[in-house]
Amino acid sequence: GGGLVQAGGSLRLSCAASGNIFRINTMGWYRQAPGKER
């Protein structure tokens, strides 16, 4: 879902998990910009 958009626009990111999935879990998103910490 990543890509290039103009300011004011929208994007929708998706992330699918597979493997040994437990019922209790947390999913989320982090980001890291150039020169900055995650």
PDB file of all heavy atoms in Angstrom:
ATOM      1  N   GLY A   1       0.763  -1.233   0.000  1.00  0.00           N
ATOM      2  CA  GLY A   1       0.000   0.000   0.000  1.00  0.00           C
ATOM      3  C   GLY A   1       0.796   1.285   0.000  1.00  0.00           C
ATOM      4  O   GLY A   1       0.221   2.368  -0.135  1.00  0.00           O
ATOM      5  N   GLY A   2       2.103   1.200   0.162  1.00  0.00           N
ATOM      6  CA  GLY A   2       2.907   2.406   0.137  1.00  0.00           C
ATOM      7  C   GLY A   2       2.958   3.010  -1.252  1.00  0.00           C
ATOM      8  O   GLY A   2       2.587   2.378  -2.240  1.00  0.00           O
ATOM      9  N   GLY A   3       3.424   4.243  -1.321  1.00  0.00           N
ATOM     10  CA  GLY A   3       3.517   4.903  -2.604  1.00  0.00           C
ATOM     11  C   GLY A   3       3.759   6.382  -2.466  1.00  0.00           C
ATOM     12  O   GLY A   3       4.103   6.877  -1.391  1.00  0.00           O
ATOM     13  N   LEU A   4       3.575   7.087  -3.572  1.00  0.00           N
ATOM     14  CA  LEU A   4       3.780   8.528  -3.646  1.00  0.00           C
ATOM     15  C   LEU A   4       2.433   9.228  -3.761  1.00  0.00           C
ATOM     16  O   LEU A   4       1.634   8.899  -4.647  1.00  0.00           O
ATOM     17  CB  LEU A   4       4.655   8.867  -4.855  1.00  0.00           C
ATOM     18  CG  LEU A   4       4.840  10.340  -5.188  1.00  0.00           C
ATOM     19  CD1 LEU A   4       5.584  11.048  -4.069  1.00  0.00           C
ATOM     20  CD2 LEU A   4       5.584  10.483  -6.508  1.00  0.00           C
ATOM     21  N   VAL A   5       2.195  10.185  -2.880  1.00  0.00           N
ATOM     22  CA  VAL A   5       0.957  10.962  -2.910  1.00  0.00           C
ATOM     23  C   VAL A   5       1.265  12.423  -2.632  1.00  0.00           C
ATOM     24  O   VAL A   5       2.305  12.760  -2.065  1.00  0.00           O
ATOM     25  CB  VAL A   5      -0.083  10.467  -1.885  1.00  0.00           C
ATOM     26  CG1 VAL A   5      -0.542   9.057  -2.219  1.00  0.00           C
ATOM     27  CG2 VAL A   5       0.485  10.526  -0.474  1.00  0.00           C
ATOM     28  N   GLN A   6       0.340  13.282  -3.044  1.00  0.00           N
ATOM     29  CA  GLN A   6       0.452  14.697  -2.728  1.00  0.00           C
ATOM     30  C   GLN A   6      -0.047  14.972  -1.316  1.00  0.00           C
ATOM     31  O   GLN A   6      -0.861  14.224  -0.768  1.00  0.00           O
ATOM     32  CB  GLN A   6      -0.365  15.538  -3.700  1.00  0.00           C
ATOM     33  CG  GLN A   6       0.286  15.783  -5.034  1.00  0.00           C
ATOM     34  CD  GLN A   6      -0.407  16.886  -5.810  1.00  0.00           C
ATOM     35  OE1 GLN A   6      -1.515  17.301  -5.473  1.00  0.00           O
ATOM     36  NE2 GLN A   6       0.235  17.372  -6.843  1.00  0.00           N
ATOM     37  N   ALA A   7       0.456  16.046  -0.733  1.00  0.00           N
ATOM     38  CA  ALA A   7      -0.044  16.477   0.564  1.00  0.00           C
ATOM     39  C   ALA A   7      -1.559  16.620   0.514  1.00  0.00           C
ATOM     40  O   ALA A   7      -2.113  17.144  -0.452  1.00  0.00           O
ATOM     41  CB  ALA A   7       0.601  17.793   0.969  1.00  0.00           C
ATOM     42  N   GLY A   8      -2.210  16.141   1.556  1.00  0.00           N
ATOM     43  CA  GLY A   8      -3.658  16.146   1.611  1.00  0.00           C
ATOM     44  C   GLY A   8      -4.301  14.877   1.101  1.00  0.00           C
ATOM     45  O   GLY A   8      -5.505  14.673   1.304  1.00  0.00           O
ATOM     46  N   GLY A   9      -3.529  14.033   0.464  1.00  0.00           N
ATOM     47  CA  GLY A   9      -4.046  12.795  -0.081  1.00  0.00           C
ATOM     48  C   GLY A   9      -4.122  11.691   0.953  1.00  0.00           C
ATOM     49  O   GLY A   9      -3.839  11.891   2.135  1.00  0.00           O
ATOM     50  N   SER A  10      -4.488  10.503   0.469  1.00  0.00           N
ATOM     51  CA  SER A  10      -4.689   9.358   1.347  1.00  0.00           C
ATOM     52  C   SER A  10      -4.002   8.120   0.807  1.00  0.00           C
ATOM     53  O   SER A  10      -3.828   7.962  -0.404  1.00  0.00           O
ATOM     54  CB  SER A  10      -6.185   9.052   1.494  1.00  0.00           C
ATOM     55  OG  SER A  10      -6.882  10.118   2.103  1.00  0.00           O
ATOM     56  N   LEU A  11      -3.629   7.249   1.716  1.00  0.00           N
ATOM     57  CA  LEU A  11      -3.119   5.933   1.397  1.00  0.00           C
ATOM     58  C   LEU A  11      -3.639   4.955   2.430  1.00  0.00           C
ATOM     59  O   LEU A  11      -3.927   5.346   3.569  1.00  0.00           O
ATOM     60  CB  LEU A  11      -1.588   5.887   1.403  1.00  0.00           C
ATOM     61  CG  LEU A  11      -0.823   6.477   0.231  1.00  0.00           C
ATOM     62  CD1 LEU A  11       0.673   6.457   0.539  1.00  0.00           C
ATOM     63  CD2 LEU A  11      -1.107   5.708  -1.050  1.00  0.00           C
ATOM     64  N   ARG A  12      -3.724   3.701   2.038  1.00  0.00           N
ATOM     65  CA  ARG A  12      -4.131   2.647   2.953  1.00  0.00           C
ATOM     66  C   ARG A  12      -3.072   1.549   2.932  1.00  0.00           C
ATOM     67  O   ARG A  12      -2.842   0.922   1.904  1.00  0.00           O
ATOM     68  CB  ARG A  12      -5.485   2.075   2.558  1.00  0.00           C
ATOM     69  CG  ARG A  12      -6.035   1.006   3.513  1.00  0.00           C
ATOM     70  CD  ARG A  12      -7.431   0.588   3.075  1.00  0.00           C
ATOM     71  NE  ARG A  12      -7.977  -0.529   3.820  1.00  0.00           N
ATOM     72  CZ  ARG A  12      -8.630  -0.426   4.968  1.00  0.00           C
ATOM     73  NH1 ARG A  12      -8.807   0.773   5.535  1.00  0.00           N
ATOM     74  NH2 ARG A  12      -9.116  -1.508   5.569  1.00  0.00           N
ATOM     75  N   LEU A  13      -2.435   1.335   4.063  1.00  0.00           N
ATOM     76  CA  LEU A  13      -1.438   0.294   4.199  1.00  0.00           C
ATOM     77  C   LEU A  13      -2.081  -0.972   4.742  1.00  0.00           C
ATOM     78  O   LEU A  13      -2.992  -0.917   5.567  1.00  0.00           O
ATOM     79  CB  LEU A  13      -0.314   0.719   5.141  1.00  0.00           C
ATOM     80  CG  LEU A  13       0.415   2.024   4.834  1.00  0.00           C
ATOM     81  CD1 LEU A  13       1.536   2.238   5.848  1.00  0.00           C
ATOM     82  CD2 LEU A  13       0.957   2.029   3.413  1.00  0.00           C
ATOM     83  N   SER A  14      -1.586  -2.101   4.281  1.00  0.00           N
ATOM     84  CA  SER A  14      -2.041  -3.389   4.763  1.00  0.00           C
ATOM     85  C   SER A  14      -0.846  -4.227   5.173  1.00  0.00           C
ATOM     86  O   SER A  14       0.230  -4.112   4.597  1.00  0.00           O
ATOM     87  CB  SER A  14      -2.823  -4.142   3.679  1.00  0.00           C
ATOM     88  OG  SER A  14      -3.971  -3.439   3.286  1.00  0.00           O
ATOM     89  N   CYS A  15      -1.049  -5.082   6.151  1.00  0.00           N
ATOM     90  CA  CYS A  15      -0.014  -6.001   6.586  1.00  0.00           C
ATOM     91  C   CYS A  15      -0.672  -7.307   6.988  1.00  0.00           C
ATOM     92  O   CYS A  15      -1.489  -7.330   7.914  1.00  0.00           O
ATOM     93  CB  CYS A  15       0.783  -5.425   7.753  1.00  0.00           C
ATOM     94  SG  CYS A  15       1.990  -6.563   8.468  1.00  0.00           S
ATOM     95  N   ALA A  16      -0.313  -8.369   6.309  1.00  0.00           N
ATOM     96  CA  ALA A  16      -0.860  -9.688   6.586  1.00  0.00           C
ATOM     97  C   ALA A  16       0.177 -10.539   7.307  1.00  0.00           C
ATOM     98  O   ALA A  16       1.314 -10.666   6.847  1.00  0.00           O
ATOM     99  CB  ALA A  16      -1.286 -10.364   5.290  1.00  0.00           C
ATOM    100  N   ALA A  17      -0.224 -11.104   8.419  1.00  0.00           N
ATOM    101  CA  ALA A  17       0.645 -11.975   9.202  1.00  0.00           C
ATOM    102  C   ALA A  17       0.324 -13.433   8.920  1.00  0.00           C
ATOM    103  O   ALA A  17      -0.832 -13.805   8.738  1.00  0.00           O
ATOM    104  CB  ALA A  17       0.487 -11.690  10.690  1.00  0.00           C
ATOM    105  N   SER A  18       1.356 -14.240   8.900  1.00  0.00           N
ATOM    106  CA  SER A  18       1.168 -15.671   8.724  1.00  0.00           C
ATOM    107  C   SER A  18       2.187 -16.418   9.570  1.00  0.00           C
ATOM    108  O   SER A  18       3.207 -15.863   9.968  1.00  0.00           O
ATOM    109  CB  SER A  18       1.297 -16.071   7.255  1.00  0.00           C
ATOM    110  OG  SER A  18       2.588 -15.769   6.754  1.00  0.00           O
ATOM    111  N   GLY A  19       1.897 -17.674   9.830  1.00  0.00           N
ATOM    112  CA  GLY A  19       2.775 -18.488  10.643  1.00  0.00           C
ATOM    113  C   GLY A  19       2.112 -18.909  11.932  1.00  0.00           C
ATOM    114  O   GLY A  19       0.918 -19.181  11.970  1.00  0.00           O
ATOM    115  N   ASN A  20       2.887 -18.945  12.993  1.00  0.00           N
ATOM    116  CA  ASN A  20       2.401 -19.394  14.292  1.00  0.00           C
ATOM    117  C   ASN A  20       1.787 -18.220  15.043  1.00  0.00           C
ATOM    118  O   ASN A  20       2.444 -17.568  15.849  1.00  0.00           O
ATOM    119  CB  ASN A  20       3.546 -20.021  15.083  1.00  0.00           C
ATOM    120  CG  ASN A  20       3.104 -20.641  16.390  1.00  0.00           C
ATOM    121  OD1 ASN A  20       3.886 -20.734  17.326  1.00  0.00           O
ATOM    122  ND2 ASN A  20       1.855 -21.068  16.461  1.00  0.00           N
ATOM    123  N   ILE A  21       0.508 -17.974  14.771  1.00  0.00           N
ATOM    124  CA  ILE A  21      -0.195 -16.823  15.329  1.00  0.00           C
ATOM    125  C   ILE A  21      -0.908 -17.214  16.613  1.00  0.00           C
ATOM    126  O   ILE A  21      -1.726 -18.139  16.621  1.00  0.00           O
ATOM    127  CB  ILE A  21      -1.211 -16.261  14.321  1.00  0.00           C
ATOM    128  CG1 ILE A  21      -0.541 -15.963  12.976  1.00  0.00           C
ATOM    129  CG2 ILE A  21      -1.875 -15.020  14.894  1.00  0.00           C
ATOM    130  CD1 ILE A  21       0.558 -14.948  13.048  1.00  0.00           C
ATOM    131  N   PHE A  22      -0.621 -16.491  17.695  1.00  0.00           N
ATOM    132  CA  PHE A  22      -1.341 -16.668  18.952  1.00  0.00           C
ATOM    133  C   PHE A  22      -2.584 -15.797  18.956  1.00  0.00           C
ATOM    134  O   PHE A  22      -2.664 -14.798  18.234  1.00  0.00           O
ATOM    135  CB  PHE A  22      -0.468 -16.284  20.151  1.00  0.00           C
ATOM    136  CG  PHE A  22       0.806 -17.063  20.300  1.00  0.00           C
ATOM    137  CD1 PHE A  22       1.813 -16.586  21.123  1.00  0.00           C
ATOM    138  CD2 PHE A  22       0.999 -18.254  19.633  1.00  0.00           C
ATOM    139  CE1 PHE A  22       2.990 -17.291  21.281  1.00  0.00           C
ATOM    140  CE2 PHE A  22       2.177 -18.969  19.775  1.00  0.00           C
ATOM    141  CZ  PHE A  22       3.175 -18.479  20.605  1.00  0.00           C
ATOM    142  N   ARG A  23      -3.553 -16.156  19.788  1.00  0.00           N
ATOM    143  CA  ARG A  23      -4.784 -15.389  19.859  1.00  0.00           C
ATOM    144  C   ARG A  23      -4.538 -13.985  20.402  1.00  0.00           C
ATOM    145  O   ARG A  23      -5.118 -13.008  19.905  1.00  0.00           O
ATOM    146  CB  ARG A  23      -5.817 -16.107  20.716  1.00  0.00           C
ATOM    147  CG  ARG A  23      -7.245 -15.626  20.486  1.00  0.00           C
ATOM    148  CD  ARG A  23      -8.214 -16.285  21.437  1.00  0.00           C
ATOM    149  NE  ARG A  23      -8.383 -15.497  22.648  1.00  0.00           N
ATOM    150  CZ  ARG A  23      -7.884 -15.797  23.829  1.00  0.00           C
ATOM    151  NH1 ARG A  23      -7.174 -16.903  23.985  1.00  0.00           N
ATOM    152  NH2 ARG A  23      -8.105 -15.009  24.867  1.00  0.00           N
ATOM    153  N   ILE A  24      -3.700 -13.878  21.416  1.00  0.00           N
ATOM    154  CA  ILE A  24      -3.411 -12.596  22.042  1.00  0.00           C
ATOM    155  C   ILE A  24      -2.172 -11.992  21.390  1.00  0.00           C
ATOM    156  O   ILE A  24      -1.071 -12.533  21.505  1.00  0.00           O
ATOM    157  CB  ILE A  24      -3.196 -12.748  23.551  1.00  0.00           C
ATOM    158  CG1 ILE A  24      -4.459 -13.323  24.205  1.00  0.00           C
ATOM    159  CG2 ILE A  24      -2.824 -11.406  24.172  1.00  0.00           C
ATOM    160  CD1 ILE A  24      -4.305 -13.642  25.676  1.00  0.00           C
ATOM    161  N   ASN A  25      -2.368 -10.897  20.716  1.00  0.00           N
ATOM    162  CA  ASN A  25      -1.252 -10.255  20.032  1.00  0.00           C
ATOM    163  C   ASN A  25      -1.581  -8.797  19.764  1.00  0.00           C
ATOM    164  O   ASN A  25      -2.728  -8.377  19.887  1.00  0.00           O
ATOM    165  CB  ASN A  25      -0.901 -10.976  18.720  1.00  0.00           C
ATOM    166  CG  ASN A  25      -2.045 -10.962  17.724  1.00  0.00           C
ATOM    167  OD1 ASN A  25      -2.372  -9.923  17.160  1.00  0.00           O
ATOM    168  ND2 ASN A  25      -2.640 -12.129  17.489  1.00  0.00           N
ATOM    169  N   THR A  26      -0.550  -8.064  19.410  1.00  0.00           N
ATOM    170  CA  THR A  26      -0.705  -6.666  19.034  1.00  0.00           C
ATOM    171  C   THR A  26      -0.072  -6.457  17.670  1.00  0.00           C
ATOM    172  O   THR A  26       1.048  -6.906  17.431  1.00  0.00           O
ATOM    173  CB  THR A  26      -0.045  -5.733  20.059  1.00  0.00           C
ATOM    174  OG1 THR A  26      -0.683  -5.903  21.328  1.00  0.00           O
ATOM    175  CG2 THR A  26      -0.176  -4.277  19.632  1.00  0.00           C
ATOM    176  N   MET A  27      -0.777  -5.790  16.788  1.00  0.00           N
ATOM    177  CA  MET A  27      -0.251  -5.440  15.485  1.00  0.00           C
ATOM    178  C   MET A  27      -0.199  -3.925  15.372  1.00  0.00           C
ATOM    179  O   MET A  27      -1.048  -3.226  15.926  1.00  0.00           O
ATOM    180  CB  MET A  27      -1.112  -6.018  14.357  1.00  0.00           C
ATOM    181  CG  MET A  27      -1.233  -7.531  14.395  1.00  0.00           C
ATOM    182  SD  MET A  27      -2.106  -8.217  12.965  1.00  0.00           S
ATOM    183  CE  MET A  27      -0.836  -8.069  11.694  1.00  0.00           C
ATOM    184  N   GLY A  28       0.801  -3.445  14.662  1.00  0.00           N
ATOM    185  CA  GLY A  28       0.912  -2.011  14.538  1.00  0.00           C
ATOM    186  C   GLY A  28       1.863  -1.585  13.452  1.00  0.00           C
ATOM    187  O   GLY A  28       2.372  -2.400  12.674  1.00  0.00           O
ATOM    188  N   TRP A  29       2.072  -0.284  13.417  1.00  0.00           N
ATOM    189  CA  TRP A  29       2.931   0.329  12.424  1.00  0.00           C
ATOM    190  C   TRP A  29       3.917   1.267  13.090  1.00  0.00           C
ATOM    191  O   TRP A  29       3.546   2.061  13.967  1.00  0.00           O
ATOM    192  CB  TRP A  29       2.108   1.118  11.398  1.00  0.00           C
ATOM    193  CG  TRP A  29       1.224   0.253  10.564  1.00  0.00           C
ATOM    194  CD1 TRP A  29      -0.064  -0.091  10.809  1.00  0.00           C
ATOM    195  CD2 TRP A  29       1.581  -0.376   9.334  1.00  0.00           C
ATOM    196  NE1 TRP A  29      -0.547  -0.901   9.810  1.00  0.00           N
ATOM    197  CE2 TRP A  29       0.446  -1.094   8.893  1.00  0.00           C
ATOM    198  CE3 TRP A  29       2.736  -0.409   8.558  1.00  0.00           C
ATOM    199  CZ2 TRP A  29       0.438  -1.835   7.711  1.00  0.00           C
ATOM    200  CZ3 TRP A  29       2.738  -1.146   7.387  1.00  0.00           C
ATOM    201  CH2 TRP A  29       1.597  -1.842   6.975  1.00  0.00           C
ATOM    202  N   TYR A  30       5.160   1.156  12.691  1.00  0.00           N
ATOM    203  CA  TYR A  30       6.204   2.097  13.037  1.00  0.00           C
ATOM    204  C   TYR A  30       6.668   2.769  11.750  1.00  0.00           C
ATOM    205  O   TYR A  30       6.435   2.262  10.659  1.00  0.00           O
ATOM    206  CB  TYR A  30       7.388   1.393  13.692  1.00  0.00           C
ATOM    207  CG  TYR A  30       7.152   0.939  15.118  1.00  0.00           C
ATOM    208  CD1 TYR A  30       6.310  -0.134  15.401  1.00  0.00           C
ATOM    209  CD2 TYR A  30       7.785   1.572  16.183  1.00  0.00           C
ATOM    210  CE1 TYR A  30       6.095  -0.554  16.701  1.00  0.00           C
ATOM    211  CE2 TYR A  30       7.582   1.150  17.487  1.00  0.00           C
ATOM    212  CZ  TYR A  30       6.745   0.089  17.740  1.00  0.00           C
ATOM    213  OH  TYR A  30       6.543  -0.329  19.036  1.00  0.00           O
ATOM    214  N   ARG A  31       7.335   3.885  11.898  1.00  0.00           N
ATOM    215  CA  ARG A  31       7.899   4.529  10.722  1.00  0.00           C
ATOM    216  C   ARG A  31       9.251   5.132  11.061  1.00  0.00           C
ATOM    217  O   ARG A  31       9.532   5.469  12.210  1.00  0.00           O
ATOM    218  CB  ARG A  31       6.966   5.605  10.167  1.00  0.00           C
ATOM    219  CG  ARG A  31       6.778   6.822  11.060  1.00  0.00           C
ATOM    220  CD  ARG A  31       5.724   7.746  10.485  1.00  0.00           C
ATOM    221  NE  ARG A  31       5.544   8.947  11.289  1.00  0.00           N
ATOM    222  CZ  ARG A  31       4.595   9.847  11.090  1.00  0.00           C
ATOM    223  NH1 ARG A  31       3.722   9.687  10.091  1.00  0.00           N
ATOM    224  NH2 ARG A  31       4.509  10.909  11.875  1.00  0.00           N
ATOM    225  N   GLN A  32      10.072   5.252  10.038  1.00  0.00           N
ATOM    226  CA  GLN A  32      11.377   5.858  10.192  1.00  0.00           C
ATOM    227  C   GLN A  32      11.639   6.782   9.008  1.00  0.00           C
ATOM    228  O   GLN A  32      11.689   6.339   7.864  1.00  0.00           O
ATOM    229  CB  GLN A  32      12.478   4.802  10.293  1.00  0.00           C
ATOM    230  CG  GLN A  32      13.837   5.384  10.634  1.00  0.00           C
ATOM    231  CD  GLN A  32      14.816   4.328  11.099  1.00  0.00           C
ATOM    232  OE1 GLN A  32      14.681   3.151  10.771  1.00  0.00           O
ATOM    233  NE2 GLN A  32      15.802   4.745  11.873  1.00  0.00           N
ATOM    234  N   ALA A  33      11.781   8.058   9.309  1.00  0.00           N
ATOM    235  CA  ALA A  33      12.090   9.059   8.311  1.00  0.00           C
ATOM    236  C   ALA A  33      13.602   9.230   8.228  1.00  0.00           C
ATOM    237  O   ALA A  33      14.318   8.917   9.179  1.00  0.00           O
ATOM    238  CB  ALA A  33      11.424  10.381   8.665  1.00  0.00           C
ATOM    239  N   PRO A  34      14.096   9.737   7.100  1.00  0.00           N
ATOM    240  CA  PRO A  34      15.536   9.949   6.969  1.00  0.00           C
ATOM    241  C   PRO A  34      16.091  10.812   8.092  1.00  0.00           C
ATOM    242  O   PRO A  34      15.554  11.881   8.389  1.00  0.00           O
ATOM    243  CB  PRO A  34      15.665  10.651   5.617  1.00  0.00           C
ATOM    244  CG  PRO A  34      14.476  10.198   4.847  1.00  0.00           C
ATOM    245  CD  PRO A  34      13.373  10.097   5.869  1.00  0.00           C
ATOM    246  N   GLY A  35      17.144  10.341   8.719  1.00  0.00           N
ATOM    247  CA  GLY A  35      17.787  11.094   9.780  1.00  0.00           C
ATOM    248  C   GLY A  35      17.075  11.067  11.113  1.00  0.00           C
ATOM    249  O   GLY A  35      17.517  11.747  12.047  1.00  0.00           O
ATOM    250  N   LYS A  36      16.000  10.317  11.221  1.00  0.00           N
ATOM    251  CA  LYS A  36      15.247  10.251  12.462  1.00  0.00           C
ATOM    252  C   LYS A  36      15.189   8.827  12.992  1.00  0.00           C
ATOM    253  O   LYS A  36      15.442   7.869  12.266  1.00  0.00           O
ATOM    254  CB  LYS A  36      13.823  10.779  12.263  1.00  0.00           C
ATOM    255  CG  LYS A  36      13.734  12.256  11.956  1.00  0.00           C
ATOM    256  CD  LYS A  36      12.293  12.719  11.952  1.00  0.00           C
ATOM    257  CE  LYS A  36      12.188  14.215  11.729  1.00  0.00           C
ATOM    258  NZ  LYS A  36      10.763  14.668  11.753  1.00  0.00           N
ATOM    259  N   GLU A  37      14.855   8.717  14.261  1.00  0.00           N
ATOM    260  CA  GLU A  37      14.694   7.410  14.875  1.00  0.00           C
ATOM    261  C   GLU A  37      13.336   6.815  14.520  1.00  0.00           C
ATOM    262  O   GLU A  37      12.384   7.531  14.218  1.00  0.00           O
ATOM    263  CB  GLU A  37      14.836   7.510  16.394  1.00  0.00           C
ATOM    264  CG  GLU A  37      16.222   7.904  16.858  1.00  0.00           C
ATOM    265  CD  GLU A  37      16.364   7.866  18.366  1.00  0.00           C
ATOM    266  OE1 GLU A  37      15.330   7.897  19.067  1.00  0.00           O
ATOM    267  OE2 GLU A  37      17.501   7.801  18.845  1.00  0.00           O
ATOM    268  N   ARG A  38      13.273   5.502  14.574  1.00  0.00           N
ATOM    269  CA  ARG A  38      12.010   4.812  14.346  1.00  0.00           C
ATOM    270  C   ARG A  38      11.016   5.175  15.447  1.00  0.00           C
ATOM    271  O   ARG A  38      11.375   5.222  16.629  1.00  0.00           O
ATOM    272  CB  ARG A  38      12.256   3.305  14.324  1.00  0.00           C
ATOM    273  CG  ARG A  38      11.030   2.452  14.059  1.00  0.00           C
ATOM    274  CD  ARG A  38      11.433   0.988  13.970  1.00  0.00           C
ATOM    275  NE  ARG A  38      12.204   0.592  15.133  1.00  0.00           N
ATOM    276  CZ  ARG A  38      13.041  -0.440  15.167  1.00  0.00           C
ATOM    277  NH1 ARG A  38      13.224  -1.183  14.087  1.00  0.00           N
ATOM    278  NH2 ARG A  38      13.707  -0.725  16.272  1.00  0.00           N
TER     279      ARG A  38
END
